[in-house]
Amino acid sequence: MPQLNPAPWLMILVFSWLIFITIIPPKVIAHHFPNEPTSRTAQMPKTNPWNWPWH
């Protein structure tokens, strides 16, 4: 049964993880989002309460 021979499958596993660990992370880290988030001010805007008459 060829499935029990680990030699080719082990190398495929090792090479695929090598690609995942060395090539893909720098490409993902180098990605820049088009809309960078801006920092919000610590002061919240003052809101006025609604003064509605209840009937």
PDB file of N, CA and C in Angstrom:
ATOM      1  N   MET A   1       0.851  -1.191   0.000  1.00  0.00           N
ATOM      2  CA  MET A   1       0.000   0.000   0.000  1.00  0.00           C
ATOM      3  C   MET A   1       0.889   1.243   0.000  1.00  0.00           C
ATOM      4  N   PRO A   2       0.785   2.085  -1.009  1.00  0.00           N
ATOM      5  CA  PRO A   2       1.671   3.252  -1.093  1.00  0.00           C
ATOM      6  C   PRO A   2       1.340   4.331  -0.063  1.00  0.00           C
ATOM      7  N   GLN A   3       0.136   4.310   0.509  1.00  0.00           N
ATOM      8  CA  GLN A   3      -0.216   5.341   1.492  1.00  0.00           C
ATOM      9  C   GLN A   3       0.602   5.205   2.771  1.00  0.00           C
ATOM     10  N   LEU A   4       1.129   4.014   3.030  1.00  0.00           N
ATOM     11  CA  LEU A   4       1.888   3.806   4.251  1.00  0.00           C
ATOM     12  C   LEU A   4       3.345   4.215   4.115  1.00  0.00           C
ATOM     13  N   ASN A   5       3.798   4.525   2.927  1.00  0.00           N
ATOM     14  CA  ASN A   5       5.168   4.975   2.719  1.00  0.00           C
ATOM     15  C   ASN A   5       5.220   6.479   3.021  1.00  0.00           C
ATOM     16  N   PRO A   6       5.860   6.898   4.125  1.00  0.00           N
ATOM     17  CA  PRO A   6       5.825   8.313   4.500  1.00  0.00           C
ATOM     18  C   PRO A   6       6.801   9.201   3.735  1.00  0.00           C
ATOM     19  N   ALA A   7       7.687   8.633   2.941  1.00  0.00           N
ATOM     20  CA  ALA A   7       8.736   9.430   2.312  1.00  0.00           C
ATOM     21  C   ALA A   7       8.181  10.546   1.415  1.00  0.00           C
ATOM     22  N   PRO A   8       7.326  10.304   0.424  1.00  0.00           N
ATOM     23  CA  PRO A   8       6.890  11.428  -0.415  1.00  0.00           C
ATOM     24  C   PRO A   8       5.942  12.376   0.324  1.00  0.00           C
ATOM     25  N   TRP A   9       5.096  11.837   1.194  1.00  0.00           N
ATOM     26  CA  TRP A   9       4.126  12.694   1.875  1.00  0.00           C
ATOM     27  C   TRP A   9       4.786  13.566   2.910  1.00  0.00           C
ATOM     28  N   LEU A  10       5.821  13.064   3.542  1.00  0.00           N
ATOM     29  CA  LEU A  10       6.542  13.876   4.524  1.00  0.00           C
ATOM     30  C   LEU A  10       7.238  15.051   3.843  1.00  0.00           C
ATOM     31  N   MET A  11       7.837  14.825   2.697  1.00  0.00           N
ATOM     32  CA  MET A  11       8.497  15.917   1.982  1.00  0.00           C
ATOM     33  C   MET A  11       7.487  16.940   1.475  1.00  0.00           C
ATOM     34  N   ILE A  12       6.335  16.479   1.020  1.00  0.00           N
ATOM     35  CA  ILE A  12       5.286  17.414   0.593  1.00  0.00           C
ATOM     36  C   ILE A  12       4.834  18.257   1.774  1.00  0.00           C
ATOM     37  N   LEU A  13       4.656  17.644   2.922  1.00  0.00           N
ATOM     38  CA  LEU A  13       4.261  18.376   4.125  1.00  0.00           C
ATOM     39  C   LEU A  13       5.323  19.393   4.527  1.00  0.00           C
ATOM     40  N   VAL A  14       6.571  18.975   4.519  1.00  0.00           N
ATOM     41  CA  VAL A  14       7.665  19.865   4.922  1.00  0.00           C
ATOM     42  C   VAL A  14       7.777  21.042   3.960  1.00  0.00           C
ATOM     43  N   PHE A  15       7.724  20.793   2.665  1.00  0.00           N
ATOM     44  CA  PHE A  15       7.845  21.878   1.696  1.00  0.00           C
ATOM     45  C   PHE A  15       6.647  22.822   1.724  1.00  0.00           C
ATOM     46  N   SER A  16       5.468  22.269   1.935  1.00  0.00           N
ATOM     47  CA  SER A  16       4.298  23.149   1.995  1.00  0.00           C
ATOM     48  C   SER A  16       4.365  24.050   3.224  1.00  0.00           C
ATOM     49  N   TRP A  17       4.790  23.514   4.387  1.00  0.00           N
ATOM     50  CA  TRP A  17       4.924  24.365   5.569  1.00  0.00           C
ATOM     51  C   TRP A  17       6.076  25.344   5.415  1.00  0.00           C
ATOM     52  N   LEU A  18       7.102  24.956   4.733  1.00  0.00           N
ATOM     53  CA  LEU A  18       8.201  25.883   4.474  1.00  0.00           C
ATOM     54  C   LEU A  18       7.721  27.064   3.648  1.00  0.00           C
ATOM     55  N   ILE A  19       6.889  26.799   2.665  1.00  0.00           N
ATOM     56  CA  ILE A  19       6.319  27.876   1.858  1.00  0.00           C
ATOM     57  C   ILE A  19       5.401  28.744   2.706  1.00  0.00           C
ATOM     58  N   PHE A  20       4.565  28.103   3.522  1.00  0.00           N
ATOM     59  CA  PHE A  20       3.647  28.877   4.363  1.00  0.00           C
ATOM     60  C   PHE A  20       4.385  29.759   5.360  1.00  0.00           C
ATOM     61  N   ILE A  21       5.499  29.282   5.878  1.00  0.00           N
ATOM     62  CA  ILE A  21       6.210  30.030   6.916  1.00  0.00           C
ATOM     63  C   ILE A  21       7.143  31.084   6.336  1.00  0.00           C
ATOM     64  N   THR A  22       7.724  30.866   5.159  1.00  0.00           N
ATOM     65  CA  THR A  22       8.735  31.797   4.652  1.00  0.00           C
ATOM     66  C   THR A  22       8.222  32.756   3.590  1.00  0.00           C
ATOM     67  N   ILE A  23       7.322  32.336   2.742  1.00  0.00           N
ATOM     68  CA  ILE A  23       6.927  33.180   1.615  1.00  0.00           C
ATOM     69  C   ILE A  23       5.657  33.974   1.897  1.00  0.00           C
ATOM     70  N   ILE A  24       4.665  33.342   2.462  1.00  0.00           N
ATOM     71  CA  ILE A  24       3.362  33.992   2.602  1.00  0.00           C
ATOM     72  C   ILE A  24       3.330  35.081   3.681  1.00  0.00           C
ATOM     73  N   PRO A  25       3.904  34.917   4.894  1.00  0.00           N
ATOM     74  CA  PRO A  25       3.790  35.976   5.906  1.00  0.00           C
ATOM     75  C   PRO A  25       4.342  37.336   5.487  1.00  0.00           C
ATOM     76  N   PRO A  26       5.502  37.456   4.828  1.00  0.00           N
ATOM     77  CA  PRO A  26       5.934  38.794   4.410  1.00  0.00           C
ATOM     78  C   PRO A  26       4.968  39.443   3.416  1.00  0.00           C
ATOM     79  N   LYS A  27       4.342  38.643   2.564  1.00  0.00           N
ATOM     80  CA  LYS A  27       3.384  39.198   1.617  1.00  0.00           C
ATOM     81  C   LYS A  27       2.148  39.718   2.341  1.00  0.00           C
ATOM     82  N   VAL A  28       1.724  39.016   3.356  1.00  0.00           N
ATOM     83  CA  VAL A  28       0.548  39.450   4.109  1.00  0.00           C
ATOM     84  C   VAL A  28       0.882  40.675   4.956  1.00  0.00           C
ATOM     85  N   ILE A  29       2.052  40.687   5.565  1.00  0.00           N
ATOM     86  CA  ILE A  29       2.454  41.810   6.414  1.00  0.00           C
ATOM     87  C   ILE A  29       2.675  43.066   5.576  1.00  0.00           C
ATOM     88  N   ALA A  30       3.118  42.935   4.342  1.00  0.00           N
ATOM     89  CA  ALA A  30       3.381  44.092   3.490  1.00  0.00           C
ATOM     90  C   ALA A  30       2.103  44.726   2.954  1.00  0.00           C
ATOM     91  N   HIS A  31       0.971  44.087   3.175  1.00  0.00           N
ATOM     92  CA  HIS A  31      -0.293  44.626   2.675  1.00  0.00           C
ATOM     93  C   HIS A  31      -0.672  45.877   3.455  1.00  0.00           C
ATOM     94  N   HIS A  32      -1.064  46.912   2.734  1.00  0.00           N
ATOM     95  CA  HIS A  32      -1.498  48.168   3.360  1.00  0.00           C
ATOM     96  C   HIS A  32      -2.976  48.367   3.083  1.00  0.00           C
ATOM     97  N   PHE A  33      -3.693  48.732   4.109  1.00  0.00           N
ATOM     98  CA  PHE A  33      -5.107  49.015   3.952  1.00  0.00           C
ATOM     99  C   PHE A  33      -5.272  50.405   3.350  1.00  0.00           C
ATOM    100  N   PRO A  34      -6.226  50.602   2.445  1.00  0.00           N
ATOM    101  CA  PRO A  34      -6.382  51.920   1.819  1.00  0.00           C
ATOM    102  C   PRO A  34      -6.877  52.985   2.790  1.00  0.00           C
ATOM    103  N   ASN A  35      -7.638  52.609   3.785  1.00  0.00           N
ATOM    104  CA  ASN A  35      -8.164  53.573   4.750  1.00  0.00           C
ATOM    105  C   ASN A  35      -7.588  53.265   6.123  1.00  0.00           C
ATOM    106  N   GLU A  36      -6.499  53.948   6.438  1.00  0.00           N
ATOM    107  CA  GLU A  36      -5.900  53.735   7.746  1.00  0.00           C
ATOM    108  C   GLU A  36      -6.788  54.380   8.808  1.00  0.00           C
ATOM    109  N   PRO A  37      -6.998  53.719   9.930  1.00  0.00           N
ATOM    110  CA  PRO A  37      -7.848  54.304  10.965  1.00  0.00           C
ATOM    111  C   PRO A  37      -7.185  55.523  11.606  1.00  0.00           C
ATOM    112  N   THR A  38      -7.973  56.508  11.906  1.00  0.00           N
ATOM    113  CA  THR A  38      -7.457  57.709  12.556  1.00  0.00           C
ATOM    114  C   THR A  38      -7.736  57.606  14.046  1.00  0.00           C
ATOM    115  N   SER A  39      -6.907  58.243  14.820  1.00  0.00           N
ATOM    116  CA  SER A  39      -7.101  58.199  16.269  1.00  0.00           C
ATOM    117  C   SER A  39      -8.218  59.161  16.657  1.00  0.00           C
ATOM    118  N   ARG A  40      -9.071  58.690  17.550  1.00  0.00           N
ATOM    119  CA  ARG A  40     -10.167  59.523  18.017  1.00  0.00           C
ATOM    120  C   ARG A  40      -9.687  60.392  19.158  1.00  0.00           C
ATOM    121  N   THR A  41     -10.321  61.536  19.309  1.00  0.00           N
ATOM    122  CA  THR A  41      -9.967  62.407  20.420  1.00  0.00           C
ATOM    123  C   THR A  41     -10.531  61.832  21.706  1.00  0.00           C
ATOM    124  N   ALA A  42      -9.871  62.144  22.811  1.00  0.00           N
ATOM    125  CA  ALA A  42     -10.309  61.625  24.101  1.00  0.00           C
ATOM    126  C   ALA A  42     -11.563  62.348  24.583  1.00  0.00           C
ATOM    127  N   GLN A  43     -11.773  63.570  24.097  1.00  0.00           N
ATOM    128  CA  GLN A  43     -12.929  64.349  24.540  1.00  0.00           C
ATOM    129  C   GLN A  43     -14.131  63.986  23.682  1.00  0.00           C
ATOM    130  N   MET A  44     -15.190  63.563  24.338  1.00  0.00           N
ATOM    131  CA  MET A  44     -16.416  63.216  23.633  1.00  0.00           C
ATOM    132  C   MET A  44     -17.195  64.488  23.315  1.00  0.00           C
ATOM    133  N   PRO A  45     -17.855  64.541  22.178  1.00  0.00           N
ATOM    134  CA  PRO A  45     -18.647  65.734  21.866  1.00  0.00           C
ATOM    135  C   PRO A  45     -19.841  65.850  22.813  1.00  0.00           C
ATOM    136  N   LYS A  46     -20.157  67.084  23.164  1.00  0.00           N
ATOM    137  CA  LYS A  46     -21.262  67.320  24.098  1.00  0.00           C
ATOM    138  C   LYS A  46     -22.581  67.204  23.342  1.00  0.00           C
ATOM    139  N   THR A  47     -23.464  66.397  23.857  1.00  0.00           N
ATOM    140  CA  THR A  47     -24.780  66.248  23.243  1.00  0.00           C
ATOM    141  C   THR A  47     -25.828  66.887  24.129  1.00  0.00           C
ATOM    142  N   ASN A  48     -26.821  67.460  23.493  1.00  0.00           N
ATOM    143  CA  ASN A  48     -27.911  68.079  24.237  1.00  0.00           C
ATOM    144  C   ASN A  48     -29.055  67.084  24.376  1.00  0.00           C
ATOM    145  N   PRO A  49     -29.684  67.024  25.545  1.00  0.00           N
ATOM    146  CA  PRO A  49     -30.812  66.106  25.697  1.00  0.00           C
ATOM    147  C   PRO A  49     -32.021  66.614  24.926  1.00  0.00           C
ATOM    148  N   TRP A  50     -32.823  65.687  24.481  1.00  0.00           N
ATOM    149  CA  TRP A  50     -34.034  66.064  23.775  1.00  0.00           C
ATOM    150  C   TRP A  50     -35.098  66.429  24.798  1.00  0.00           C
ATOM    151  N   ASN A  51     -35.679  67.567  24.603  1.00  0.00           N
ATOM    152  CA  ASN A  51     -36.710  68.050  25.511  1.00  0.00           C
ATOM    153  C   ASN A  51     -38.057  67.927  24.832  1.00  0.00           C
ATOM    154  N   TRP A  52     -38.580  66.740  24.765  1.00  0.00           N
ATOM    155  CA  TRP A  52     -39.838  66.527  24.096  1.00  0.00           C
ATOM    156  C   TRP A  52     -40.982  66.517  25.115  1.00  0.00           C
ATOM    157  N   PRO A  53     -42.027  67.230  24.806  1.00  0.00           N
ATOM    158  CA  PRO A  53     -43.194  67.154  25.711  1.00  0.00           C
ATOM    159  C   PRO A  53     -43.928  65.830  25.502  1.00  0.00           C
ATOM    160  N   TRP A  54     -44.207  65.168  26.601  1.00  0.00           N
ATOM    161  CA  TRP A  54     -44.927  63.904  26.512  1.00  0.00           C
ATOM    162  C   TRP A  54     -46.409  64.145  26.806  1.00  0.00           C
ATOM    163  N   HIS A  55     -47.275  63.701  25.933  1.00  0.00           N
ATOM    164  CA  HIS A  55     -48.716  63.928  26.090  1.00  0.00           C
ATOM    165  C   HIS A  55     -49.408  62.700  26.550  1.00  0.00           C
TER     166      HIS A  55
END
